[in-house]
Amino acid sequence: MSEIALNPNQLKEILKSAIIELIRDNREEVSEFLAEIIEDIAMERAIAEGEITELVGRESIFQLLEPKRES
C-alpha cells in the first residue's frame, strides 16, 4: 500500500473544495442548518437580556397586548 503525502496547502485546498461541493449539493439543508444556528443565537441573547432586565407584572404585559381603543 502506498502513502500519499500532502503538504498543508494541498490539504487546505482539498478541504476547501470538499466544503464548497457539500454546500452546493445540499444547499437547502445547509440553509436550514444555518437558520437554526441563527435562531439559537438569538434565543440565547434574548434569554441573557431577560435575565438582567427588570421584572414586570402580568397585568403590564396584557395591557401592552390589548388593542388600543380609539377615543
PDB file of N, CA and C in Angstrom:
ATOM      1  N   MET A   1       0.846  -1.170   0.000  1.00  0.00           N
ATOM      2  CA  MET A   1       0.000   0.000   0.000  1.00  0.00           C
ATOM      3  C   MET A   1       0.895   1.238   0.000  1.00  0.00           C
ATOM      4  N   SER A   2       0.599   2.187  -0.870  1.00  0.00           N
ATOM      5  CA  SER A   2       1.416   3.396  -0.940  1.00  0.00           C
ATOM      6  C   SER A   2       0.758   4.521  -0.138  1.00  0.00           C
ATOM      7  N   GLU A   3       1.588   5.413   0.360  1.00  0.00           N
ATOM      8  CA  GLU A   3       1.101   6.551   1.131  1.00  0.00           C
ATOM      9  C   GLU A   3       1.065   7.782   0.251  1.00  0.00           C
ATOM     10  N   ILE A   4       0.109   8.623   0.534  1.00  0.00           N
ATOM     11  CA  ILE A   4       0.008   9.897  -0.177  1.00  0.00           C
ATOM     12  C   ILE A   4       0.390  10.984   0.810  1.00  0.00           C
ATOM     13  N   ALA A   5       1.366  11.766   0.437  1.00  0.00           N
ATOM     14  CA  ALA A   5       1.813  12.856   1.304  1.00  0.00           C
ATOM     15  C   ALA A   5       1.250  14.173   0.777  1.00  0.00           C
ATOM     16  N   LEU A   6       0.623  14.926   1.662  1.00  0.00           N
ATOM     17  CA  LEU A   6       0.067  16.226   1.297  1.00  0.00           C
ATOM     18  C   LEU A   6       0.710  17.292   2.177  1.00  0.00           C
ATOM     19  N   ASN A   7       1.050  18.382   1.545  1.00  0.00           N
ATOM     20  CA  ASN A   7       1.529  19.490   2.365  1.00  0.00           C
ATOM     21  C   ASN A   7       0.306  20.258   2.866  1.00  0.00           C
ATOM     22  N   PRO A   8       0.477  21.103   3.858  1.00  0.00           N
ATOM     23  CA  PRO A   8      -0.671  21.812   4.444  1.00  0.00           C
ATOM     24  C   PRO A   8      -1.499  22.612   3.436  1.00  0.00           C
ATOM     25  N   ASN A   9      -0.854  23.205   2.442  1.00  0.00           N
ATOM     26  CA  ASN A   9      -1.590  23.974   1.433  1.00  0.00           C
ATOM     27  C   ASN A   9      -2.455  23.078   0.564  1.00  0.00           C
ATOM     28  N   GLN A  10      -1.951  21.907   0.200  1.00  0.00           N
ATOM     29  CA  GLN A  10      -2.730  20.967  -0.601  1.00  0.00           C
ATOM     30  C   GLN A  10      -3.939  20.474   0.192  1.00  0.00           C
ATOM     31  N   LEU A  11      -3.714  20.141   1.446  1.00  0.00           N
ATOM     32  CA  LEU A  11      -4.799  19.679   2.302  1.00  0.00           C
ATOM     33  C   LEU A  11      -5.863  20.765   2.445  1.00  0.00           C
ATOM     34  N   LYS A  12      -5.429  21.999   2.625  1.00  0.00           N
ATOM     35  CA  LYS A  12      -6.351  23.124   2.756  1.00  0.00           C
ATOM     36  C   LYS A  12      -7.208  23.259   1.496  1.00  0.00           C
ATOM     37  N   GLU A  13      -6.612  23.162   0.333  1.00  0.00           N
ATOM     38  CA  GLU A  13      -7.345  23.286  -0.924  1.00  0.00           C
ATOM     39  C   GLU A  13      -8.337  22.132  -1.115  1.00  0.00           C
ATOM     40  N   ILE A  14      -7.923  20.922  -0.758  1.00  0.00           N
ATOM     41  CA  ILE A  14      -8.815  19.763  -0.878  1.00  0.00           C
ATOM     42  C   ILE A  14     -10.018  19.922   0.043  1.00  0.00           C
ATOM     43  N   LEU A  15      -9.772  20.333   1.279  1.00  0.00           N
ATOM     44  CA  LEU A  15     -10.875  20.541   2.225  1.00  0.00           C
ATOM     45  C   LEU A  15     -11.798  21.662   1.762  1.00  0.00           C
ATOM     46  N   LYS A  16     -11.214  22.731   1.268  1.00  0.00           N
ATOM     47  CA  LYS A  16     -11.994  23.859   0.777  1.00  0.00           C
ATOM     48  C   LYS A  16     -12.909  23.419  -0.368  1.00  0.00           C
ATOM     49  N   SER A  17     -12.379  22.660  -1.304  1.00  0.00           N
ATOM     50  CA  SER A  17     -13.172  22.154  -2.424  1.00  0.00           C
ATOM     51  C   SER A  17     -14.287  21.229  -1.950  1.00  0.00           C
ATOM     52  N   ALA A  18     -13.979  20.380  -0.988  1.00  0.00           N
ATOM     53  CA  ALA A  18     -14.980  19.446  -0.467  1.00  0.00           C
ATOM     54  C   ALA A  18     -16.121  20.194   0.221  1.00  0.00           C
ATOM     55  N   ILE A  19     -15.787  21.232   0.991  1.00  0.00           N
ATOM     56  CA  ILE A  19     -16.810  22.009   1.685  1.00  0.00           C
ATOM     57  C   ILE A  19     -17.687  22.752   0.686  1.00  0.00           C
ATOM     58  N   ILE A  20     -17.074  23.341  -0.323  1.00  0.00           N
ATOM     59  CA  ILE A  20     -17.841  24.057  -1.353  1.00  0.00           C
ATOM     60  C   ILE A  20     -18.784  23.098  -2.069  1.00  0.00           C
ATOM     61  N   GLU A  21     -18.313  21.924  -2.414  1.00  0.00           N
ATOM     62  CA  GLU A  21     -19.153  20.928  -3.083  1.00  0.00           C
ATOM     63  C   GLU A  21     -20.296  20.484  -2.175  1.00  0.00           C
ATOM     64  N   LEU A  22     -20.016  20.288  -0.914  1.00  0.00           N
ATOM     65  CA  LEU A  22     -21.043  19.893   0.051  1.00  0.00           C
ATOM     66  C   LEU A  22     -22.139  20.945   0.133  1.00  0.00           C
ATOM     67  N   ILE A  23     -21.739  22.211   0.193  1.00  0.00           N
ATOM     68  CA  ILE A  23     -22.723  23.297   0.272  1.00  0.00           C
ATOM     69  C   ILE A  23     -23.544  23.369  -1.002  1.00  0.00           C
ATOM     70  N   ARG A  24     -22.911  23.266  -2.155  1.00  0.00           N
ATOM     71  CA  ARG A  24     -23.634  23.314  -3.434  1.00  0.00           C
ATOM     72  C   ARG A  24     -24.630  22.167  -3.570  1.00  0.00           C
ATOM     73  N   ASP A  25     -24.213  20.975  -3.183  1.00  0.00           N
ATOM     74  CA  ASP A  25     -25.062  19.794  -3.351  1.00  0.00           C
ATOM     75  C   ASP A  25     -26.185  19.716  -2.313  1.00  0.00           C
ATOM     76  N   ASN A  26     -26.022  20.408  -1.199  1.00  0.00           N
ATOM     77  CA  ASN A  26     -27.004  20.332  -0.114  1.00  0.00           C
ATOM     78  C   ASN A  26     -27.432  21.726   0.336  1.00  0.00           C
ATOM     79  N   ARG A  27     -27.686  22.576  -0.638  1.00  0.00           N
ATOM     80  CA  ARG A  27     -27.978  23.992  -0.356  1.00  0.00           C
ATOM     81  C   ARG A  27     -29.141  24.169   0.628  1.00  0.00           C
ATOM     82  N   GLU A  28     -30.234  23.444   0.414  1.00  0.00           N
ATOM     83  CA  GLU A  28     -31.408  23.595   1.281  1.00  0.00           C
ATOM     84  C   GLU A  28     -31.100  23.162   2.720  1.00  0.00           C
ATOM     85  N   GLU A  29     -30.441  22.021   2.868  1.00  0.00           N
ATOM     86  CA  GLU A  29     -30.101  21.536   4.207  1.00  0.00           C
ATOM     87  C   GLU A  29     -29.148  22.477   4.921  1.00  0.00           C
ATOM     88  N   VAL A  30     -28.168  23.001   4.188  1.00  0.00           N
ATOM     89  CA  VAL A  30     -27.206  23.936   4.778  1.00  0.00           C
ATOM     90  C   VAL A  30     -27.922  25.217   5.195  1.00  0.00           C
ATOM     91  N   SER A  31     -28.853  25.700   4.374  1.00  0.00           N
ATOM     92  CA  SER A  31     -29.615  26.907   4.715  1.00  0.00           C
ATOM     93  C   SER A  31     -30.430  26.694   5.979  1.00  0.00           C
ATOM     94  N   GLU A  32     -31.096  25.543   6.073  1.00  0.00           N
ATOM     95  CA  GLU A  32     -31.886  25.227   7.269  1.00  0.00           C
ATOM     96  C   GLU A  32     -30.994  25.144   8.501  1.00  0.00           C
ATOM     97  N   PHE A  33     -29.832  24.523   8.347  1.00  0.00           N
ATOM     98  CA  PHE A  33     -28.884  24.392   9.451  1.00  0.00           C
ATOM     99  C   PHE A  33     -28.422  25.760   9.931  1.00  0.00           C
ATOM    100  N   LEU A  34     -28.072  26.639   8.998  1.00  0.00           N
ATOM    101  CA  LEU A  34     -27.626  27.984   9.363  1.00  0.00           C
ATOM    102  C   LEU A  34     -28.755  28.784  10.017  1.00  0.00           C
ATOM    103  N   ALA A  35     -29.989  28.627   9.518  1.00  0.00           N
ATOM    104  CA  ALA A  35     -31.134  29.318  10.114  1.00  0.00           C
ATOM    105  C   ALA A  35     -31.335  28.867  11.560  1.00  0.00           C
ATOM    106  N   GLU A  36     -31.187  27.578  11.822  1.00  0.00           N
ATOM    107  CA  GLU A  36     -31.322  27.064  13.186  1.00  0.00           C
ATOM    108  C   GLU A  36     -30.246  27.641  14.101  1.00  0.00           C
ATOM    109  N   ILE A  37     -29.027  27.750  13.583  1.00  0.00           N
ATOM    110  CA  ILE A  37     -27.935  28.320  14.376  1.00  0.00           C
ATOM    111  C   ILE A  37     -28.245  29.775  14.728  1.00  0.00           C
ATOM    112  N   ILE A  38     -28.722  30.538  13.751  1.00  0.00           N
ATOM    113  CA  ILE A  38     -29.050  31.947  13.986  1.00  0.00           C
ATOM    114  C   ILE A  38     -30.181  32.068  15.005  1.00  0.00           C
ATOM    115  N   GLU A  39     -31.200  31.204  14.893  1.00  0.00           N
ATOM    116  CA  GLU A  39     -32.301  31.222  15.860  1.00  0.00           C
ATOM    117  C   GLU A  39     -31.801  30.892  17.264  1.00  0.00           C
ATOM    118  N   ASP A  40     -30.912  29.907  17.375  1.00  0.00           N
ATOM    119  CA  ASP A  40     -30.367  29.534  18.679  1.00  0.00           C
ATOM    120  C   ASP A  40     -29.581  30.687  19.301  1.00  0.00           C
ATOM    121  N   ILE A  41     -28.787  31.370  18.490  1.00  0.00           N
ATOM    122  CA  ILE A  41     -28.012  32.508  18.988  1.00  0.00           C
ATOM    123  C   ILE A  41     -28.946  33.621  19.453  1.00  0.00           C
ATOM    124  N   ALA A  42     -29.995  33.904  18.655  1.00  0.00           N
ATOM    125  CA  ALA A  42     -30.957  34.945  19.025  1.00  0.00           C
ATOM    126  C   ALA A  42     -31.668  34.582  20.327  1.00  0.00           C
ATOM    127  N   MET A  43     -32.026  33.309  20.490  1.00  0.00           N
ATOM    128  CA  MET A  43     -32.703  32.868  21.713  1.00  0.00           C
ATOM    129  C   MET A  43     -31.773  33.017  22.917  1.00  0.00           C
ATOM    130  N   GLU A  44     -30.517  32.626  22.756  1.00  0.00           N
ATOM    131  CA  GLU A  44     -29.547  32.766  23.842  1.00  0.00           C
ATOM    132  C   GLU A  44     -29.393  34.229  24.257  1.00  0.00           C
ATOM    133  N   ARG A  45     -29.333  35.114  23.280  1.00  0.00           N
ATOM    134  CA  ARG A  45     -29.193  36.542  23.583  1.00  0.00           C
ATOM    135  C   ARG A  45     -30.436  37.074  24.278  1.00  0.00           C
ATOM    136  N   ALA A  46     -31.616  36.648  23.824  1.00  0.00           N
ATOM    137  CA  ALA A  46     -32.865  37.096  24.439  1.00  0.00           C
ATOM    138  C   ALA A  46     -32.950  36.618  25.885  1.00  0.00           C
ATOM    139  N   ILE A  47     -32.556  35.383  26.125  1.00  0.00           N
ATOM    140  CA  ILE A  47     -32.570  34.843  27.489  1.00  0.00           C
ATOM    141  C   ILE A  47     -31.591  35.615  28.367  1.00  0.00           C
ATOM    142  N   ALA A  48     -30.392  35.852  27.860  1.00  0.00           N
ATOM    143  CA  ALA A  48     -29.388  36.594  28.632  1.00  0.00           C
ATOM    144  C   ALA A  48     -29.877  38.001  28.946  1.00  0.00           C
ATOM    145  N   GLU A  49     -30.503  38.658  27.985  1.00  0.00           N
ATOM    146  CA  GLU A  49     -31.028  40.004  28.204  1.00  0.00           C
ATOM    147  C   GLU A  49     -32.169  39.959  29.223  1.00  0.00           C
ATOM    148  N   GLY A  50     -33.018  38.938  29.117  1.00  0.00           N
ATOM    149  CA  GLY A  50     -34.138  38.797  30.044  1.00  0.00           C
ATOM    150  C   GLY A  50     -33.692  38.570  31.481  1.00  0.00           C
ATOM    151  N   GLU A  51     -32.549  37.951  31.647  1.00  0.00           N
ATOM    152  CA  GLU A  51     -32.045  37.687  32.995  1.00  0.00           C
ATOM    153  C   GLU A  51     -31.559  38.942  33.708  1.00  0.00           C
ATOM    154  N   ILE A  52     -31.239  39.991  32.958  1.00  0.00           N
ATOM    155  CA  ILE A  52     -30.720  41.212  33.588  1.00  0.00           C
ATOM    156  C   ILE A  52     -31.717  42.373  33.563  1.00  0.00           C
ATOM    157  N   THR A  53     -32.886  42.183  32.961  1.00  0.00           N
ATOM    158  CA  THR A  53     -33.867  43.262  32.909  1.00  0.00           C
ATOM    159  C   THR A  53     -34.814  43.171  34.089  1.00  0.00           C
ATOM    160  N   GLU A  54     -35.472  44.275  34.352  1.00  0.00           N
ATOM    161  CA  GLU A  54     -36.408  44.362  35.470  1.00  0.00           C
ATOM    162  C   GLU A  54     -37.650  43.520  35.191  1.00  0.00           C
ATOM    163  N   LEU A  55     -38.131  42.839  36.216  1.00  0.00           N
ATOM    164  CA  LEU A  55     -39.346  42.038  36.084  1.00  0.00           C
ATOM    165  C   LEU A  55     -40.563  42.950  36.041  1.00  0.00           C
ATOM    166  N   VAL A  56     -41.571  42.549  35.281  1.00  0.00           N
ATOM    167  CA  VAL A  56     -42.826  43.302  35.217  1.00  0.00           C
ATOM    168  C   VAL A  56     -43.964  42.358  35.555  1.00  0.00           C
ATOM    169  N   GLY A  57     -45.068  42.940  35.970  1.00  0.00           N
ATOM    170  CA  GLY A  57     -46.226  42.150  36.351  1.00  0.00           C
ATOM    171  C   GLY A  57     -47.010  41.665  35.138  1.00  0.00           C
ATOM    172  N   ARG A  58     -47.818  40.670  35.387  1.00  0.00           N
ATOM    173  CA  ARG A  58     -48.634  40.059  34.335  1.00  0.00           C
ATOM    174  C   ARG A  58     -49.578  41.084  33.710  1.00  0.00           C
ATOM    175  N   GLU A  59     -50.182  41.927  34.548  1.00  0.00           N
ATOM    176  CA  GLU A  59     -51.116  42.930  34.056  1.00  0.00           C
ATOM    177  C   GLU A  59     -50.450  43.895  33.069  1.00  0.00           C
ATOM    178  N   SER A  60     -49.220  44.271  33.340  1.00  0.00           N
ATOM    179  CA  SER A  60     -48.496  45.176  32.434  1.00  0.00           C
ATOM    180  C   SER A  60     -48.335  44.555  31.055  1.00  0.00           C
ATOM    181  N   ILE A  61     -48.051  43.257  31.037  1.00  0.00           N
ATOM    182  CA  ILE A  61     -47.893  42.550  29.757  1.00  0.00           C
ATOM    183  C   ILE A  61     -49.207  42.536  28.989  1.00  0.00           C
ATOM    184  N   PHE A  62     -50.295  42.201  29.666  1.00  0.00           N
ATOM    185  CA  PHE A  62     -51.579  42.113  28.985  1.00  0.00           C
ATOM    186  C   PHE A  62     -52.080  43.478  28.528  1.00  0.00           C
ATOM    187  N   GLN A  63     -51.735  44.530  29.254  1.00  0.00           N
ATOM    188  CA  GLN A  63     -52.111  45.874  28.809  1.00  0.00           C
ATOM    189  C   GLN A  63     -51.418  46.211  27.485  1.00  0.00           C
ATOM    190  N   LEU A  64     -50.185  45.804  27.357  1.00  0.00           N
ATOM    191  CA  LEU A  64     -49.454  46.060  26.106  1.00  0.00           C
ATOM    192  C   LEU A  64     -50.023  45.250  24.944  1.00  0.00           C
ATOM    193  N   LEU A  65     -50.546  44.073  25.242  1.00  0.00           N
ATOM    194  CA  LEU A  65     -51.053  43.192  24.190  1.00  0.00           C
ATOM    195  C   LEU A  65     -52.468  43.542  23.743  1.00  0.00           C
ATOM    196  N   GLU A  66     -53.226  44.252  24.565  1.00  0.00           N
ATOM    197  CA  GLU A  66     -54.592  44.634  24.207  1.00  0.00           C
ATOM    198  C   GLU A  66     -54.561  45.688  23.115  1.00  0.00           C
ATOM    199  N   PRO A  67     -55.513  45.582  22.180  1.00  0.00           N
ATOM    200  CA  PRO A  67     -55.565  46.597  21.115  1.00  0.00           C
ATOM    201  C   PRO A  67     -55.934  47.959  21.695  1.00  0.00           C
ATOM    202  N   LYS A  68     -55.354  48.993  21.142  1.00  0.00           N
ATOM    203  CA  LYS A  68     -55.636  50.365  21.590  1.00  0.00           C
ATOM    204  C   LYS A  68     -57.049  50.740  21.147  1.00  0.00           C
ATOM    205  N   ARG A  69     -57.760  51.394  22.062  1.00  0.00           N
ATOM    206  CA  ARG A  69     -59.119  51.845  21.739  1.00  0.00           C
ATOM    207  C   ARG A  69     -59.059  53.290  21.267  1.00  0.00           C
ATOM    208  N   GLU A  70     -59.756  53.567  20.165  1.00  0.00           N
ATOM    209  CA  GLU A  70     -59.818  54.922  19.632  1.00  0.00           C
ATOM    210  C   GLU A  70     -60.804  55.719  20.457  1.00  0.00           C
ATOM    211  N   SER A  71     -60.490  56.971  20.780  1.00  0.00           N
ATOM    212  CA  SER A  71     -61.398  57.824  21.569  1.00  0.00           C
ATOM    213  C   SER A  71     -62.324  58.580  20.661  1.00  0.00           C
TER     214      SER A  71
END
